[in-house]
Amino acid sequence: MFNTSRQIGGALAVAVFGALISTRAGFQHGLRIGLALAAAIALVAALAAALRMAARCAA
């Protein structure tokens, strides 16, 4: 199950970021949006993990 989720996530990431890069606005604009989106997702994931660890330690 874990490997399947990773494969699906990787395929979706390639598709979404590829679509952002290939916009009419240009490569650099799409790259900036893609990197900002990836950074935001990573930040949310890190925050969720930290909250989950804090809740687990408190219990």
C-alpha atoms as a PDB file:
ATOM      1  CA  MET A   1       0.000   0.000   0.000  1.00  0.00           C
ATOM      2  CA  PHE A   2       2.781   2.430   0.891  1.00  0.00           C
ATOM      3  CA  ASN A   3       4.624   1.871  -2.391  1.00  0.00           C
ATOM      4  CA  THR A   4       1.413   2.326  -4.369  1.00  0.00           C
ATOM      5  CA  SER A   5       0.744   5.642  -2.645  1.00  0.00           C
ATOM      6  CA  ARG A   6       4.273   6.817  -3.389  1.00  0.00           C
ATOM      7  CA  GLN A   7       3.947   5.852  -7.052  1.00  0.00           C
ATOM      8  CA  ILE A   8       0.620   7.654  -7.429  1.00  0.00           C
ATOM      9  CA  GLY A   9       1.951  10.732  -5.610  1.00  0.00           C
ATOM     10  CA  GLY A  10       5.034  10.833  -7.807  1.00  0.00           C
ATOM     11  CA  ALA A  11       2.996  10.507 -10.995  1.00  0.00           C
ATOM     12  CA  LEU A  12       0.610  13.265  -9.926  1.00  0.00           C
ATOM     13  CA  ALA A  13       3.494  15.541  -8.946  1.00  0.00           C
ATOM     14  CA  VAL A  14       5.177  15.089 -12.322  1.00  0.00           C
ATOM     15  CA  ALA A  15       1.896  15.787 -14.116  1.00  0.00           C
ATOM     16  CA  VAL A  16       1.003  18.886 -12.080  1.00  0.00           C
ATOM     17  CA  PHE A  17       4.456  20.453 -12.103  1.00  0.00           C
ATOM     18  CA  GLY A  18       4.893  19.620 -15.780  1.00  0.00           C
ATOM     19  CA  ALA A  19       1.623  21.392 -16.536  1.00  0.00           C
ATOM     20  CA  LEU A  20       2.725  24.435 -14.528  1.00  0.00           C
ATOM     21  CA  ILE A  21       6.068  24.636 -16.310  1.00  0.00           C
ATOM     22  CA  SER A  22       4.548  24.337 -19.777  1.00  0.00           C
ATOM     23  CA  THR A  23       2.179  27.293 -19.412  1.00  0.00           C
ATOM     24  CA  ARG A  24       2.253  30.217 -21.827  1.00  0.00           C
ATOM     25  CA  ALA A  25       3.731  32.420 -19.125  1.00  0.00           C
ATOM     26  CA  GLY A  26       6.994  30.568 -19.560  1.00  0.00           C
ATOM     27  CA  PHE A  27       9.326  28.118 -17.928  1.00  0.00           C
ATOM     28  CA  GLN A  28      10.628  30.388 -15.172  1.00  0.00           C
ATOM     29  CA  HIS A  29       7.166  31.517 -14.101  1.00  0.00           C
ATOM     30  CA  GLY A  30       5.894  27.945 -13.987  1.00  0.00           C
ATOM     31  CA  LEU A  31       8.998  26.833 -12.135  1.00  0.00           C
ATOM     32  CA  ARG A  32       8.536  29.537  -9.496  1.00  0.00           C
ATOM     33  CA  ILE A  33       4.899  28.576  -8.987  1.00  0.00           C
ATOM     34  CA  GLY A  34       5.784  24.894  -8.853  1.00  0.00           C
ATOM     35  CA  LEU A  35       8.550  25.393  -6.315  1.00  0.00           C
ATOM     36  CA  ALA A  36       6.376  27.650  -4.168  1.00  0.00           C
ATOM     37  CA  LEU A  37       3.603  25.056  -4.253  1.00  0.00           C
ATOM     38  CA  ALA A  38       6.030  22.259  -3.346  1.00  0.00           C
ATOM     39  CA  ALA A  39       7.451  24.322  -0.477  1.00  0.00           C
ATOM     40  CA  ALA A  40       3.963  25.057   0.853  1.00  0.00           C
ATOM     41  CA  ILE A  41       3.017  21.373   0.721  1.00  0.00           C
ATOM     42  CA  ALA A  42       6.245  20.399   2.485  1.00  0.00           C
ATOM     43  CA  LEU A  43       5.624  23.029   5.179  1.00  0.00           C
ATOM     44  CA  VAL A  44       2.074  21.798   5.777  1.00  0.00           C
ATOM     45  CA  ALA A  45       3.300  18.190   5.954  1.00  0.00           C
ATOM     46  CA  ALA A  46       6.031  19.115   8.445  1.00  0.00           C
ATOM     47  CA  LEU A  47       3.538  21.021  10.587  1.00  0.00           C
ATOM     48  CA  ALA A  48       1.086  18.114  10.531  1.00  0.00           C
ATOM     49  CA  ALA A  49       3.864  15.691  11.519  1.00  0.00           C
ATOM     50  CA  ALA A  50       4.981  17.965  14.367  1.00  0.00           C
ATOM     51  CA  LEU A  51       1.421  18.281  15.682  1.00  0.00           C
ATOM     52  CA  ARG A  52       0.910  14.545  15.473  1.00  0.00           C
ATOM     53  CA  MET A  53       4.165  13.855  17.332  1.00  0.00           C
ATOM     54  CA  ALA A  54       3.224  16.392  20.013  1.00  0.00           C
ATOM     55  CA  ALA A  55      -0.185  14.765  20.457  1.00  0.00           C
ATOM     56  CA  ARG A  56       1.399  11.324  20.648  1.00  0.00           C
ATOM     57  CA  CYS A  57       3.912  12.461  23.301  1.00  0.00           C
ATOM     58  CA  ALA A  58       1.195  14.143  25.359  1.00  0.00           C
ATOM     59  CA  ALA A  59      -0.967  11.002  25.475  1.00  0.00           C
END
